[in-house]
Amino acid sequence: MSVKKEVFGIHPSGKEVYKFEIVNKQGMKAVITNFGAILISLFVKDKKGKGIQIIYGPQVTVIKSDFEEYVEKVSQ
């Protein structure tokens, strides 16, 4: 299993919010934030072994307003 950590956005308090990409040996991949453990995306392999994304989250850059907009959408 591998874990990759990168900055996802900036919380209104000024703290960095991270996303974690976790991949297992079979190729299943989950992308999760440390802000409420929000599942951003989930990839699994179909029966032919092709990777498919089954949960789609927004593509957010490290811009405070984009992150706040994402939090508003999730909170609704």
Protein backbone atom coordinates (compact mmCIF):
# COMPACT_ATOMS: atom_id res chain seq x y z
CA MET A 1 0.00 0.00 0.00
CA SER A 2 1.21 3.50 -0.76
CA VAL A 3 0.12 6.87 0.63
CA LYS A 4 0.80 10.23 -1.00
CA LYS A 5 0.05 13.51 0.80
CA GLU A 6 -0.36 16.93 -0.83
CA VAL A 7 -1.95 20.29 -0.05
CA PHE A 8 -5.62 20.40 -1.10
CA GLY A 9 -6.53 23.92 0.00
CA ILE A 10 -6.46 26.46 2.78
CA HIS A 11 -9.05 26.37 5.55
CA PRO A 12 -10.62 29.77 6.41
CA SER A 13 -8.63 29.63 9.68
CA GLY A 14 -5.45 29.73 7.57
CA LYS A 15 -4.43 26.11 8.16
CA GLU A 16 -3.51 23.90 5.21
CA VAL A 17 -5.91 21.10 4.33
CA TYR A 18 -4.35 17.98 2.86
CA LYS A 19 -5.55 15.26 0.55
CA PHE A 20 -4.23 11.74 0.86
CA GLU A 21 -4.05 9.34 -2.06
CA ILE A 22 -4.09 5.75 -0.79
CA VAL A 23 -3.42 2.92 -3.27
CA ASN A 24 -3.50 -0.80 -2.45
CA LYS A 25 -1.69 -3.66 -4.20
CA GLN A 26 -4.71 -4.43 -6.39
CA GLY A 27 -4.79 -0.86 -7.73
CA MET A 28 -7.80 0.45 -5.79
CA LYS A 29 -7.24 4.13 -5.04
CA ALA A 30 -9.02 6.44 -2.58
CA VAL A 31 -8.42 10.18 -2.28
CA ILE A 32 -9.46 11.58 1.11
CA THR A 33 -9.03 14.92 2.89
CA ASN A 34 -8.02 15.48 6.47
CA PHE A 35 -10.94 17.94 6.68
CA GLY A 36 -13.73 15.71 7.94
CA ALA A 37 -12.34 12.66 6.09
CA ILE A 38 -14.16 13.75 2.91
CA LEU A 39 -13.87 11.13 0.17
CA ILE A 40 -12.94 13.07 -2.97
CA SER A 41 -12.59 10.19 -5.40
CA LEU A 42 -12.50 6.42 -5.53
CA PHE A 43 -10.99 4.29 -8.30
CA VAL A 44 -11.52 0.53 -8.67
CA LYS A 45 -10.70 -1.99 -11.36
CA ASP A 46 -13.48 -3.51 -13.44
CA LYS A 47 -13.59 -7.23 -14.27
CA LYS A 48 -11.25 -6.62 -17.23
CA GLY A 49 -8.69 -4.97 -14.96
CA LYS A 50 -9.29 -1.44 -16.28
CA GLY A 51 -9.27 1.30 -13.66
CA ILE A 52 -12.50 3.29 -13.41
CA GLN A 53 -13.45 6.21 -11.21
CA ILE A 54 -16.68 5.56 -9.31
CA ILE A 55 -16.76 8.66 -7.09
CA TYR A 56 -16.06 12.07 -8.63
CA GLY A 57 -15.04 15.03 -6.55
CA PRO A 58 -14.19 18.55 -7.69
CA GLN A 59 -10.72 19.41 -8.94
CA VAL A 60 -9.65 22.13 -6.53
CA THR A 61 -6.48 24.17 -6.62
CA VAL A 62 -4.75 25.66 -3.63
CA ILE A 63 -6.83 28.82 -3.72
CA LYS A 64 -8.73 29.75 -0.59
CA SER A 65 -11.94 30.77 -2.37
CA ASP A 66 -12.12 27.49 -4.33
CA PHE A 67 -11.75 25.46 -1.16
CA GLU A 68 -14.41 27.48 0.63
CA GLU A 69 -16.74 26.95 -2.36
CA TYR A 70 -16.08 23.19 -2.16
CA VAL A 71 -16.84 23.14 1.58
CA GLU A 72 -20.11 25.01 0.92
CA LYS A 73 -21.15 22.44 -1.71
CA VAL A 74 -20.35 19.52 0.60
CA SER A 75 -22.19 21.14 3.52
CA GLN A 76 -25.47 21.53 1.62
